[in-house]
N, C-alpha and C. Protein backbone atom coordinates (compact mmCIF):
# COMPACT_ATOMS: atom_id res chain seq x y z
N UNK A 1 88.00 95.71 117.42
CA UNK A 1 88.92 94.61 117.18
C UNK A 1 89.70 94.88 115.90
N UNK A 2 91.03 94.93 116.02
CA UNK A 2 91.87 95.21 114.86
C UNK A 2 92.26 93.91 114.17
N UNK A 3 92.00 93.81 112.87
CA UNK A 3 92.42 92.66 112.10
C UNK A 3 93.87 92.81 111.70
N UNK A 4 94.55 91.69 111.50
CA UNK A 4 95.90 91.75 110.98
C UNK A 4 95.86 92.15 109.50
N UNK A 5 97.02 92.45 108.96
CA UNK A 5 97.11 92.81 107.55
C UNK A 5 96.56 91.69 106.66
N UNK A 6 96.91 90.46 106.97
CA UNK A 6 96.45 89.33 106.15
C UNK A 6 94.94 89.20 106.24
N UNK A 7 94.38 89.31 107.44
CA UNK A 7 92.93 89.23 107.62
C UNK A 7 92.23 90.39 106.90
N UNK A 8 92.80 91.58 107.03
CA UNK A 8 92.21 92.76 106.39
C UNK A 8 92.18 92.60 104.88
N UNK A 9 93.28 92.16 104.31
CA UNK A 9 93.36 92.01 102.85
C UNK A 9 92.44 90.89 102.36
N UNK A 10 92.30 89.85 103.14
CA UNK A 10 91.38 88.77 102.77
C UNK A 10 89.96 89.29 102.68
N UNK A 11 89.56 90.09 103.66
CA UNK A 11 88.22 90.67 103.69
C UNK A 11 88.01 91.62 102.50
N UNK A 12 89.00 92.45 102.22
CA UNK A 12 88.90 93.41 101.13
C UNK A 12 88.89 92.73 99.76
N UNK A 13 89.70 91.70 99.63
CA UNK A 13 89.77 90.98 98.35
C UNK A 13 88.42 90.34 98.02
N UNK A 14 87.76 89.79 99.03
CA UNK A 14 86.44 89.20 98.82
C UNK A 14 85.44 90.23 98.31
N UNK A 15 85.66 91.50 98.68
CA UNK A 15 84.75 92.57 98.27
C UNK A 15 85.14 93.16 96.92
N UNK A 16 86.17 92.62 96.30
CA UNK A 16 86.58 93.09 94.98
C UNK A 16 87.49 94.30 95.01
N UNK A 17 88.04 94.63 96.16
CA UNK A 17 88.97 95.75 96.27
C UNK A 17 90.38 95.23 96.01
N UNK A 18 91.11 95.85 95.07
CA UNK A 18 92.41 95.32 94.68
C UNK A 18 93.47 95.48 95.76
N UNK A 19 93.98 94.36 96.23
CA UNK A 19 95.06 94.34 97.22
C UNK A 19 96.13 93.38 96.73
N UNK A 20 97.37 93.64 97.10
CA UNK A 20 98.45 92.75 96.70
C UNK A 20 98.30 91.42 97.46
N UNK A 21 98.55 90.32 96.77
CA UNK A 21 98.44 89.00 97.38
C UNK A 21 99.38 88.91 98.58
N UNK A 22 98.83 88.61 99.75
CA UNK A 22 99.60 88.59 100.99
C UNK A 22 99.21 87.34 101.78
N UNK A 23 100.21 86.60 102.21
CA UNK A 23 99.94 85.35 102.94
C UNK A 23 100.70 85.31 104.25
N UNK A 24 100.17 84.53 105.18
CA UNK A 24 100.76 84.45 106.51
C UNK A 24 101.73 83.28 106.59
N UNK A 25 102.91 83.56 107.09
CA UNK A 25 103.90 82.52 107.37
C UNK A 25 104.11 82.45 108.88
N UNK A 26 103.82 81.30 109.46
CA UNK A 26 103.95 81.16 110.91
C UNK A 26 105.35 80.69 111.33
N UNK A 27 106.13 80.25 110.36
CA UNK A 27 107.49 79.80 110.64
C UNK A 27 108.43 80.33 109.56
N UNK A 28 109.72 80.25 109.84
CA UNK A 28 110.73 80.65 108.86
C UNK A 28 110.63 79.78 107.61
N UNK A 29 110.40 78.50 107.80
CA UNK A 29 110.29 77.58 106.68
C UNK A 29 109.13 77.96 105.77
N UNK A 30 107.99 78.32 106.38
CA UNK A 30 106.83 78.74 105.58
C UNK A 30 107.12 80.02 104.83
N UNK A 31 107.83 80.94 105.45
CA UNK A 31 108.16 82.21 104.80
C UNK A 31 109.01 81.97 103.56
N UNK A 32 109.96 81.08 103.67
CA UNK A 32 110.82 80.76 102.52
C UNK A 32 110.02 80.08 101.42
N UNK A 33 109.16 79.14 101.80
CA UNK A 33 108.33 78.44 100.81
C UNK A 33 107.42 79.42 100.06
N UNK A 34 106.73 80.30 100.80
CA UNK A 34 105.82 81.25 100.17
C UNK A 34 106.57 82.23 99.28
N UNK A 35 107.75 82.63 99.71
CA UNK A 35 108.56 83.56 98.91
C UNK A 35 108.94 82.94 97.57
N UNK A 36 109.34 81.69 97.60
CA UNK A 36 109.69 81.00 96.36
C UNK A 36 108.47 80.85 95.46
N UNK A 37 107.32 80.57 96.08
CA UNK A 37 106.09 80.39 95.31
C UNK A 37 105.65 81.71 94.66
N UNK A 38 105.77 82.82 95.38
CA UNK A 38 105.36 84.12 94.86
C UNK A 38 106.37 84.68 93.85
N UNK A 39 107.63 84.41 94.10
CA UNK A 39 108.69 84.95 93.27
C UNK A 39 109.36 86.14 93.92
N UNK A 40 110.68 86.15 93.88
CA UNK A 40 111.45 87.23 94.49
C UNK A 40 111.46 88.46 93.57
N UNK A 41 111.70 89.65 94.15
CA UNK A 41 111.88 89.98 95.56
C UNK A 41 110.55 90.04 96.31
N UNK A 42 110.63 89.87 97.62
CA UNK A 42 109.43 89.89 98.45
C UNK A 42 109.61 90.86 99.61
N UNK A 43 108.50 91.09 100.30
CA UNK A 43 108.47 91.93 101.50
C UNK A 43 107.94 91.08 102.65
N UNK A 44 108.58 91.17 103.80
CA UNK A 44 108.09 90.53 105.02
C UNK A 44 107.67 91.61 106.01
N UNK A 45 106.54 91.38 106.69
CA UNK A 45 106.06 92.31 107.72
C UNK A 45 105.58 91.51 108.92
N UNK A 46 105.75 92.08 110.09
CA UNK A 46 105.25 91.42 111.29
C UNK A 46 103.73 91.29 111.21
N UNK A 47 103.21 90.15 111.64
CA UNK A 47 101.76 89.92 111.68
C UNK A 47 101.35 89.83 113.14
N UNK A 48 100.74 90.92 113.63
CA UNK A 48 100.31 90.98 115.02
C UNK A 48 99.12 91.91 115.12
N UNK A 49 98.05 91.50 115.82
CA UNK A 49 96.91 92.39 116.01
C UNK A 49 97.19 93.54 116.97
N UNK A 50 98.37 93.52 117.60
CA UNK A 50 98.72 94.53 118.59
C UNK A 50 99.65 95.61 118.06
N UNK A 51 100.08 95.48 116.80
CA UNK A 51 101.04 96.43 116.24
C UNK A 51 100.46 97.09 115.01
N UNK A 52 100.34 98.41 115.06
CA UNK A 52 99.79 99.17 113.94
C UNK A 52 100.89 99.65 113.01
N UNK A 53 101.92 100.27 113.55
CA UNK A 53 103.01 100.80 112.74
C UNK A 53 104.11 99.74 112.61
N UNK A 54 103.95 98.90 111.61
CA UNK A 54 104.81 97.72 111.48
C UNK A 54 106.27 98.06 111.17
N UNK A 55 106.52 99.24 110.58
CA UNK A 55 107.88 99.58 110.22
C UNK A 55 108.72 100.01 111.42
N UNK A 56 108.05 100.32 112.53
CA UNK A 56 108.80 100.70 113.73
C UNK A 56 109.56 99.51 114.29
N UNK A 57 110.80 99.76 114.69
CA UNK A 57 111.62 98.75 115.36
C UNK A 57 111.81 97.48 114.54
N UNK A 58 112.01 97.65 113.23
CA UNK A 58 112.40 96.51 112.41
C UNK A 58 111.30 95.53 112.08
N UNK A 59 110.04 95.98 112.04
CA UNK A 59 108.93 95.07 111.75
C UNK A 59 108.68 94.83 110.28
N UNK A 60 109.46 95.49 109.40
CA UNK A 60 109.28 95.33 107.96
C UNK A 60 110.65 95.17 107.30
N UNK A 61 110.73 94.23 106.35
CA UNK A 61 111.95 94.03 105.56
C UNK A 61 111.58 94.03 104.09
N UNK A 62 112.24 94.88 103.31
CA UNK A 62 111.90 95.07 101.91
C UNK A 62 112.95 94.47 100.97
N UNK A 63 112.51 94.16 99.76
CA UNK A 63 113.44 93.79 98.69
C UNK A 63 114.26 92.55 98.95
N UNK A 64 113.68 91.52 99.54
CA UNK A 64 114.41 90.29 99.86
C UNK A 64 114.49 89.43 98.60
N UNK A 65 115.72 89.18 98.13
CA UNK A 65 115.91 88.63 96.79
C UNK A 65 116.19 87.13 96.73
N UNK A 66 116.34 86.48 97.89
CA UNK A 66 116.58 85.04 97.87
C UNK A 66 116.15 84.42 99.19
N UNK A 67 116.19 83.09 99.24
CA UNK A 67 115.70 82.35 100.41
C UNK A 67 116.51 82.66 101.66
N UNK A 68 117.83 82.82 101.50
CA UNK A 68 118.67 83.09 102.66
C UNK A 68 118.28 84.42 103.31
N UNK A 69 118.03 85.42 102.48
CA UNK A 69 117.65 86.73 103.03
C UNK A 69 116.26 86.68 103.68
N UNK A 70 115.38 85.90 103.12
CA UNK A 70 114.05 85.75 103.71
C UNK A 70 114.16 85.10 105.09
N UNK A 71 114.94 84.03 105.17
CA UNK A 71 115.09 83.35 106.45
C UNK A 71 115.70 84.25 107.51
N UNK A 72 116.73 85.00 107.12
CA UNK A 72 117.35 85.93 108.06
C UNK A 72 116.41 87.04 108.48
N UNK A 73 115.63 87.56 107.51
CA UNK A 73 114.69 88.64 107.81
C UNK A 73 113.60 88.18 108.76
N UNK A 74 113.10 86.95 108.56
CA UNK A 74 112.07 86.41 109.45
C UNK A 74 112.58 86.42 110.90
N UNK A 75 113.78 85.89 111.10
CA UNK A 75 114.33 85.82 112.45
C UNK A 75 114.54 87.20 113.04
N UNK A 76 115.03 88.13 112.23
CA UNK A 76 115.29 89.50 112.70
C UNK A 76 114.00 90.21 113.09
N UNK A 77 112.96 90.05 112.29
CA UNK A 77 111.68 90.71 112.58
C UNK A 77 111.11 90.20 113.90
N UNK A 78 111.03 88.88 114.04
CA UNK A 78 110.44 88.30 115.24
C UNK A 78 111.24 88.67 116.48
N UNK A 79 112.57 88.61 116.38
CA UNK A 79 113.42 88.95 117.53
C UNK A 79 113.27 90.41 117.92
N UNK A 80 113.21 91.29 116.92
CA UNK A 80 113.08 92.72 117.19
C UNK A 80 111.75 93.05 117.87
N UNK A 81 110.66 92.44 117.38
CA UNK A 81 109.36 92.72 117.97
C UNK A 81 109.27 92.15 119.39
N UNK A 82 109.80 90.97 119.60
CA UNK A 82 109.79 90.40 120.96
C UNK A 82 110.60 91.25 121.93
N UNK A 83 111.64 91.87 121.42
CA UNK A 83 112.49 92.71 122.26
C UNK A 83 111.81 94.05 122.57
N UNK A 84 111.18 94.64 121.56
CA UNK A 84 110.62 95.98 121.71
C UNK A 84 109.14 95.99 122.11
N UNK A 85 108.42 94.92 121.77
CA UNK A 85 107.00 94.81 122.13
C UNK A 85 106.77 93.45 122.80
N UNK A 86 107.31 93.23 124.00
CA UNK A 86 107.24 91.90 124.62
C UNK A 86 105.84 91.38 124.85
N UNK A 87 104.85 92.27 124.95
CA UNK A 87 103.48 91.83 125.20
C UNK A 87 102.70 91.57 123.92
N UNK A 88 103.28 91.89 122.77
CA UNK A 88 102.56 91.75 121.50
C UNK A 88 102.35 90.28 121.15
N UNK A 89 101.16 89.99 120.63
CA UNK A 89 100.86 88.64 120.15
C UNK A 89 101.38 88.52 118.71
N UNK A 90 102.30 87.61 118.50
CA UNK A 90 102.91 87.45 117.18
C UNK A 90 102.35 86.21 116.51
N UNK A 91 101.71 86.42 115.36
CA UNK A 91 101.15 85.30 114.60
C UNK A 91 102.16 84.75 113.59
N UNK A 92 103.18 85.52 113.29
CA UNK A 92 104.18 85.16 112.29
C UNK A 92 104.54 86.39 111.49
N UNK A 93 104.76 86.23 110.20
CA UNK A 93 105.01 87.37 109.32
C UNK A 93 104.14 87.23 108.07
N UNK A 94 103.80 88.36 107.49
CA UNK A 94 103.11 88.33 106.21
C UNK A 94 104.16 88.37 105.10
N UNK A 95 103.84 87.70 104.01
CA UNK A 95 104.75 87.63 102.85
C UNK A 95 103.99 88.16 101.64
N UNK A 96 104.60 89.08 100.92
CA UNK A 96 103.98 89.60 99.70
C UNK A 96 105.06 89.94 98.68
N UNK A 97 104.68 89.87 97.43
CA UNK A 97 105.60 90.23 96.35
C UNK A 97 105.88 91.72 96.43
N UNK A 98 107.13 92.12 96.21
CA UNK A 98 107.47 93.54 96.21
C UNK A 98 107.14 94.13 94.84
N UNK A 99 106.30 95.16 94.85
CA UNK A 99 105.87 95.81 93.63
C UNK A 99 106.68 97.08 93.39
N UNK A 100 106.77 97.48 92.14
CA UNK A 100 107.43 98.76 91.89
C UNK A 100 106.49 99.88 92.32
N UNK A 101 107.08 100.94 92.84
CA UNK A 101 106.31 101.99 93.49
C UNK A 101 105.66 102.91 92.46
N UNK A 102 104.33 103.02 92.51
CA UNK A 102 103.63 104.00 91.71
C UNK A 102 103.44 105.27 92.53
N UNK A 103 102.50 106.12 92.14
CA UNK A 103 102.14 107.27 92.97
C UNK A 103 101.42 106.73 94.21
N UNK A 104 101.87 107.14 95.38
CA UNK A 104 101.33 106.60 96.63
C UNK A 104 100.11 107.41 97.07
N UNK A 105 99.00 106.69 97.25
CA UNK A 105 97.73 107.29 97.65
C UNK A 105 97.21 106.63 98.92
N UNK A 106 96.20 107.24 99.51
CA UNK A 106 95.55 106.66 100.68
C UNK A 106 94.03 106.80 100.54
N UNK A 107 93.33 105.77 100.93
CA UNK A 107 91.88 105.83 101.13
C UNK A 107 91.62 105.32 102.54
N UNK A 108 90.95 106.13 103.33
CA UNK A 108 90.66 105.74 104.71
C UNK A 108 89.21 106.03 105.06
N UNK A 109 88.71 105.30 106.03
CA UNK A 109 87.34 105.52 106.53
C UNK A 109 87.38 105.46 108.05
N UNK A 110 86.69 106.39 108.67
CA UNK A 110 86.51 106.36 110.13
C UNK A 110 85.08 106.79 110.45
N UNK A 111 84.58 106.33 111.59
CA UNK A 111 83.20 106.64 111.97
C UNK A 111 83.16 107.91 112.82
N UNK A 112 82.39 108.87 112.35
CA UNK A 112 82.15 110.09 113.11
C UNK A 112 80.90 109.87 113.97
N UNK A 113 80.93 110.28 115.24
CA UNK A 113 79.77 110.05 116.12
C UNK A 113 78.48 110.67 115.60
N UNK A 114 78.59 111.77 114.86
CA UNK A 114 77.40 112.47 114.38
C UNK A 114 77.02 112.06 112.96
N UNK A 115 78.02 111.96 112.06
CA UNK A 115 77.73 111.76 110.65
C UNK A 115 77.89 110.32 110.18
N UNK A 116 78.45 109.46 111.01
CA UNK A 116 78.69 108.08 110.58
C UNK A 116 79.98 107.96 109.81
N UNK A 117 80.10 106.97 108.91
CA UNK A 117 81.36 106.75 108.19
C UNK A 117 81.74 107.95 107.31
N UNK A 118 82.99 108.39 107.45
CA UNK A 118 83.53 109.47 106.63
C UNK A 118 84.73 108.93 105.87
N UNK A 119 84.75 109.15 104.55
CA UNK A 119 85.82 108.62 103.70
C UNK A 119 86.84 109.71 103.40
N UNK A 120 88.11 109.34 103.44
CA UNK A 120 89.22 110.24 103.17
C UNK A 120 90.01 109.74 101.96
N UNK A 121 90.44 110.65 101.12
CA UNK A 121 91.31 110.32 99.99
C UNK A 121 92.42 111.35 99.91
N UNK A 122 93.63 110.89 99.56
CA UNK A 122 94.72 111.85 99.38
C UNK A 122 96.03 111.16 99.03
N UNK A 123 97.11 111.94 99.09
CA UNK A 123 98.43 111.38 98.88
C UNK A 123 98.78 110.50 100.06
N UNK A 124 99.36 109.33 99.77
CA UNK A 124 99.58 108.34 100.81
C UNK A 124 101.03 108.18 101.22
N UNK A 125 101.33 107.01 101.79
CA UNK A 125 102.66 106.77 102.32
C UNK A 125 102.94 107.72 103.48
N UNK A 126 104.20 108.11 103.63
CA UNK A 126 104.56 109.05 104.68
C UNK A 126 104.05 110.46 104.39
N UNK A 127 103.71 110.73 103.12
CA UNK A 127 103.24 112.07 102.75
C UNK A 127 101.95 112.44 103.47
N UNK A 128 101.11 111.45 103.76
CA UNK A 128 99.85 111.77 104.42
C UNK A 128 100.09 112.35 105.81
N UNK A 129 101.16 111.90 106.48
CA UNK A 129 101.48 112.40 107.81
C UNK A 129 102.14 113.77 107.74
N UNK A 130 102.89 114.02 106.66
CA UNK A 130 103.65 115.26 106.54
C UNK A 130 102.81 116.38 105.92
N UNK A 131 102.15 116.07 104.79
CA UNK A 131 101.44 117.10 104.04
C UNK A 131 99.96 117.23 104.39
N UNK A 132 99.35 116.15 104.84
CA UNK A 132 97.92 116.14 105.13
C UNK A 132 97.12 116.64 103.93
N UNK A 133 97.51 116.19 102.74
CA UNK A 133 96.84 116.61 101.50
C UNK A 133 95.71 115.63 101.21
N UNK A 134 94.55 115.87 101.85
CA UNK A 134 93.45 114.91 101.77
C UNK A 134 92.12 115.64 101.57
N UNK A 135 91.14 114.88 101.08
CA UNK A 135 89.77 115.36 100.91
C UNK A 135 88.83 114.39 101.62
N UNK A 136 87.69 114.90 102.09
CA UNK A 136 86.75 114.09 102.86
C UNK A 136 85.34 114.15 102.25
N UNK A 137 84.60 113.04 102.40
CA UNK A 137 83.19 113.00 102.07
C UNK A 137 82.49 112.03 103.02
N UNK A 138 81.22 112.29 103.29
CA UNK A 138 80.41 111.37 104.09
C UNK A 138 79.94 110.23 103.21
N UNK A 139 80.04 109.02 103.70
CA UNK A 139 79.55 107.83 103.00
C UNK A 139 78.03 107.85 102.99
N UNK A 140 77.35 107.53 101.86
CA UNK A 140 77.91 106.96 100.63
C UNK A 140 78.52 108.03 99.71
N UNK A 141 79.59 107.64 99.03
CA UNK A 141 80.29 108.52 98.10
C UNK A 141 79.91 108.13 96.67
N UNK A 142 79.42 109.08 95.90
CA UNK A 142 79.04 108.82 94.51
C UNK A 142 80.25 108.97 93.60
N UNK A 143 80.09 108.55 92.33
CA UNK A 143 81.18 108.72 91.37
C UNK A 143 81.51 110.21 91.18
N UNK A 144 80.50 111.06 91.21
CA UNK A 144 80.73 112.51 91.11
C UNK A 144 81.54 113.00 92.30
N UNK A 145 81.17 112.54 93.50
CA UNK A 145 81.92 112.90 94.70
C UNK A 145 83.38 112.47 94.57
N UNK A 146 83.58 111.25 94.10
CA UNK A 146 84.94 110.70 93.98
C UNK A 146 85.78 111.55 93.03
N UNK A 147 85.17 111.94 91.90
CA UNK A 147 85.89 112.78 90.94
C UNK A 147 86.28 114.11 91.55
N UNK A 148 85.40 114.68 92.36
CA UNK A 148 85.69 115.94 93.02
C UNK A 148 86.81 115.77 94.05
N UNK A 149 86.78 114.67 94.79
CA UNK A 149 87.80 114.43 95.81
C UNK A 149 89.19 114.32 95.19
N UNK A 150 89.27 113.58 94.10
CA UNK A 150 90.56 113.39 93.44
C UNK A 150 91.13 114.74 93.00
N UNK A 151 90.27 115.62 92.51
CA UNK A 151 90.73 116.90 91.97
C UNK A 151 90.89 117.98 93.04
N UNK A 152 90.40 117.73 94.24
CA UNK A 152 90.53 118.70 95.32
C UNK A 152 91.92 118.72 95.93
N UNK A 153 92.61 117.60 95.93
CA UNK A 153 93.90 117.56 96.61
C UNK A 153 94.93 118.38 95.84
N UNK A 154 95.85 118.99 96.56
CA UNK A 154 96.89 119.81 95.93
C UNK A 154 97.82 118.97 95.07
N UNK A 155 97.92 117.68 95.39
CA UNK A 155 98.81 116.80 94.64
C UNK A 155 98.21 116.25 93.36
N UNK A 156 97.05 116.75 92.95
CA UNK A 156 96.40 116.24 91.74
C UNK A 156 97.32 116.28 90.51
N UNK A 157 98.17 117.31 90.33
CA UNK A 157 99.09 117.30 89.18
C UNK A 157 99.98 116.06 89.12
N UNK A 158 100.29 115.47 90.28
CA UNK A 158 101.09 114.24 90.29
C UNK A 158 100.33 113.10 89.62
N UNK A 159 99.02 113.11 89.73
CA UNK A 159 98.22 112.06 89.12
C UNK A 159 98.11 112.25 87.61
N UNK A 160 98.32 113.46 87.15
CA UNK A 160 98.20 113.77 85.74
C UNK A 160 99.50 113.53 84.96
N UNK A 161 100.57 113.19 85.67
CA UNK A 161 101.84 112.96 85.01
C UNK A 161 102.76 114.15 85.09
N UNK A 162 103.12 114.52 86.32
CA UNK A 162 103.93 115.71 86.56
C UNK A 162 105.35 115.54 86.02
N UNK A 163 105.82 116.52 85.24
CA UNK A 163 107.18 116.55 84.70
C UNK A 163 107.59 115.25 84.02
N UNK A 164 106.71 114.77 83.16
CA UNK A 164 107.05 113.62 82.35
C UNK A 164 106.79 112.27 82.99
N UNK A 165 106.35 112.26 84.25
CA UNK A 165 106.02 110.99 84.88
C UNK A 165 104.73 110.44 84.29
N UNK A 166 104.56 109.13 84.36
CA UNK A 166 103.36 108.51 83.83
C UNK A 166 102.12 108.96 84.59
N UNK A 167 101.08 109.36 83.85
CA UNK A 167 99.81 109.70 84.49
C UNK A 167 99.15 108.44 85.03
N UNK A 168 98.47 108.56 86.17
CA UNK A 168 97.81 107.39 86.75
C UNK A 168 96.42 107.25 86.16
N UNK A 169 95.83 106.09 86.40
CA UNK A 169 94.50 105.76 85.89
C UNK A 169 93.44 106.39 86.82
N UNK A 170 93.15 107.66 86.59
CA UNK A 170 92.23 108.39 87.47
C UNK A 170 90.84 107.76 87.51
N UNK A 171 90.24 107.36 86.38
CA UNK A 171 88.93 106.70 86.47
C UNK A 171 88.94 105.46 87.37
N UNK A 172 90.05 104.70 87.33
CA UNK A 172 90.16 103.53 88.20
C UNK A 172 90.18 103.96 89.67
N UNK A 173 90.90 105.04 89.97
CA UNK A 173 90.97 105.54 91.35
C UNK A 173 89.58 105.98 91.81
N UNK A 174 88.86 106.65 90.94
CA UNK A 174 87.51 107.08 91.29
C UNK A 174 86.60 105.89 91.60
N UNK A 175 86.70 104.85 90.78
CA UNK A 175 85.91 103.63 91.02
C UNK A 175 86.33 102.95 92.32
N UNK A 176 87.62 103.02 92.62
CA UNK A 176 88.11 102.42 93.86
C UNK A 176 87.53 103.15 95.07
N UNK A 177 87.49 104.46 95.01
CA UNK A 177 86.90 105.25 96.10
C UNK A 177 85.44 104.86 96.30
N UNK A 178 84.70 104.77 95.21
CA UNK A 178 83.29 104.38 95.29
C UNK A 178 83.15 102.96 95.82
N UNK A 179 84.04 102.06 95.38
CA UNK A 179 84.00 100.68 95.84
C UNK A 179 84.23 100.56 97.34
N UNK A 180 85.17 101.34 97.87
CA UNK A 180 85.42 101.32 99.31
C UNK A 180 84.20 101.87 100.05
N UNK A 181 83.60 102.93 99.51
CA UNK A 181 82.39 103.49 100.12
C UNK A 181 81.28 102.44 100.19
N UNK A 182 81.05 101.72 99.11
CA UNK A 182 80.01 100.70 99.09
C UNK A 182 80.32 99.59 100.09
N UNK A 183 81.58 99.20 100.14
CA UNK A 183 82.00 98.13 101.06
C UNK A 183 81.70 98.51 102.50
N UNK A 184 82.04 99.73 102.87
CA UNK A 184 81.80 100.19 104.24
C UNK A 184 80.31 100.34 104.51
N UNK A 185 79.57 100.82 103.54
CA UNK A 185 78.13 101.00 103.70
C UNK A 185 77.43 99.66 103.94
N UNK A 186 77.92 98.62 103.25
CA UNK A 186 77.31 97.29 103.38
C UNK A 186 77.80 96.53 104.61
N UNK A 187 78.83 97.05 105.26
CA UNK A 187 79.42 96.38 106.42
C UNK A 187 79.55 97.37 107.58
N UNK A 188 78.45 97.69 108.23
CA UNK A 188 78.47 98.70 109.30
C UNK A 188 79.30 98.30 110.51
N UNK A 189 79.73 97.05 110.55
CA UNK A 189 80.58 96.62 111.67
C UNK A 189 82.00 97.17 111.56
N UNK A 190 82.34 97.79 110.41
CA UNK A 190 83.68 98.36 110.22
C UNK A 190 83.75 99.72 110.91
N UNK A 191 84.68 99.84 111.83
CA UNK A 191 84.86 101.10 112.56
C UNK A 191 85.90 101.99 111.88
N UNK A 192 86.98 101.36 111.41
CA UNK A 192 88.03 102.10 110.70
C UNK A 192 88.58 101.24 109.58
N UNK A 193 89.07 101.90 108.54
CA UNK A 193 89.68 101.21 107.41
C UNK A 193 90.76 102.11 106.83
N UNK A 194 91.91 101.53 106.53
CA UNK A 194 92.99 102.29 105.88
C UNK A 194 93.61 101.46 104.78
N UNK A 195 93.67 102.01 103.59
CA UNK A 195 94.46 101.45 102.50
C UNK A 195 95.61 102.43 102.27
N UNK A 196 96.78 102.09 102.77
CA UNK A 196 97.91 103.02 102.69
C UNK A 196 99.24 102.28 102.83
N UNK A 197 100.08 102.34 101.79
CA UNK A 197 99.83 103.07 100.55
C UNK A 197 99.08 102.25 99.52
N UNK A 198 98.42 102.96 98.63
CA UNK A 198 97.92 102.40 97.38
C UNK A 198 98.90 102.82 96.30
N UNK A 199 99.42 101.88 95.52
CA UNK A 199 100.28 102.22 94.40
C UNK A 199 99.40 102.43 93.17
N UNK A 200 99.39 103.65 92.65
CA UNK A 200 98.59 103.98 91.48
C UNK A 200 99.47 103.99 90.25
N UNK A 201 99.01 103.33 89.19
CA UNK A 201 99.76 103.21 87.94
C UNK A 201 98.94 103.76 86.78
N UNK A 202 99.51 103.66 85.61
CA UNK A 202 98.80 104.10 84.42
C UNK A 202 97.68 103.17 84.02
N UNK A 203 97.68 101.96 84.56
CA UNK A 203 96.66 100.97 84.18
C UNK A 203 96.02 100.31 85.40
N UNK A 204 95.77 101.09 86.43
CA UNK A 204 95.11 100.55 87.61
C UNK A 204 95.80 100.97 88.89
N UNK A 205 95.48 100.28 89.97
CA UNK A 205 96.06 100.58 91.27
C UNK A 205 95.88 99.37 92.17
N UNK A 206 96.70 99.27 93.20
CA UNK A 206 96.60 98.16 94.13
C UNK A 206 97.03 98.63 95.52
N UNK A 207 96.29 98.19 96.54
CA UNK A 207 96.64 98.51 97.92
C UNK A 207 97.77 97.60 98.38
N UNK A 208 98.85 98.20 98.82
CA UNK A 208 100.02 97.44 99.28
C UNK A 208 99.90 97.10 100.76
N UNK A 209 99.28 97.97 101.51
CA UNK A 209 99.06 97.71 102.94
C UNK A 209 97.61 98.06 103.27
N UNK A 210 97.06 97.36 104.24
CA UNK A 210 95.65 97.56 104.59
C UNK A 210 95.44 97.27 106.07
N UNK A 211 94.51 98.02 106.64
CA UNK A 211 94.17 97.82 108.06
C UNK A 211 92.67 98.00 108.23
N UNK A 212 92.04 97.07 108.90
CA UNK A 212 90.60 97.13 109.18
C UNK A 212 90.40 96.94 110.68
N UNK A 213 89.61 97.83 111.27
CA UNK A 213 89.23 97.69 112.68
C UNK A 213 87.72 97.52 112.74
N UNK A 214 87.28 96.48 113.41
CA UNK A 214 85.85 96.19 113.54
C UNK A 214 85.34 96.66 114.89
N UNK A 215 84.03 96.84 114.97
CA UNK A 215 83.42 97.15 116.26
C UNK A 215 83.73 96.04 117.24
N UNK A 216 83.82 96.38 118.50
CA UNK A 216 84.30 95.44 119.51
C UNK A 216 83.47 94.16 119.60
N UNK A 217 82.18 94.24 119.29
CA UNK A 217 81.31 93.07 119.41
C UNK A 217 81.30 92.19 118.17
N UNK A 218 82.03 92.58 117.14
CA UNK A 218 82.00 91.85 115.87
C UNK A 218 82.87 90.61 115.92
N UNK A 219 82.39 89.53 115.32
CA UNK A 219 83.17 88.31 115.17
C UNK A 219 83.63 88.19 113.73
N UNK A 220 84.92 87.94 113.54
CA UNK A 220 85.46 87.81 112.17
C UNK A 220 85.59 86.34 111.81
């Protein structure tokens, strides 16, 4: 059972994993209200348990700077998804504050039939699909394991502050990896988990998007 982005982030937030505040708007009016409450600019994304790649076919709108743009974006997203995914169950749209982009990372977990949960770390965003610059460990992952994973990826110089860019908070990233490992270990009903992208900064990191898939018999 795949949770929506809002459901996934709610579950992760309860476990102490840093995620950007994301709320569900079931109507255009709610989307505008939440946007004003959070503060512009905001991001809207389709909220549907049937859609994984939300950016396909207009399911995501970025950098919305006022109420009029939010209202228009809500209508465009819903219309586009209904046109391209007529069978998809639409709960509304998620609303979140737009953050400035740090170094994009990914932490993912999937269950291997033989070894159980396996944790992945690497460069995130679209880079994970293009470069596949990732490291793997079997859960549970120790702090030592996490440190090794961070330094194994070819993109590690980016985390150190490549060509004058701000270095990211590597100890925080290591703790985040360990935290995700503990979360999955304590919740065996999780079949898959993706935090992508994670924006990493000089003073921490936060997951901008999240996806959790539970075992079919699990009730959320």
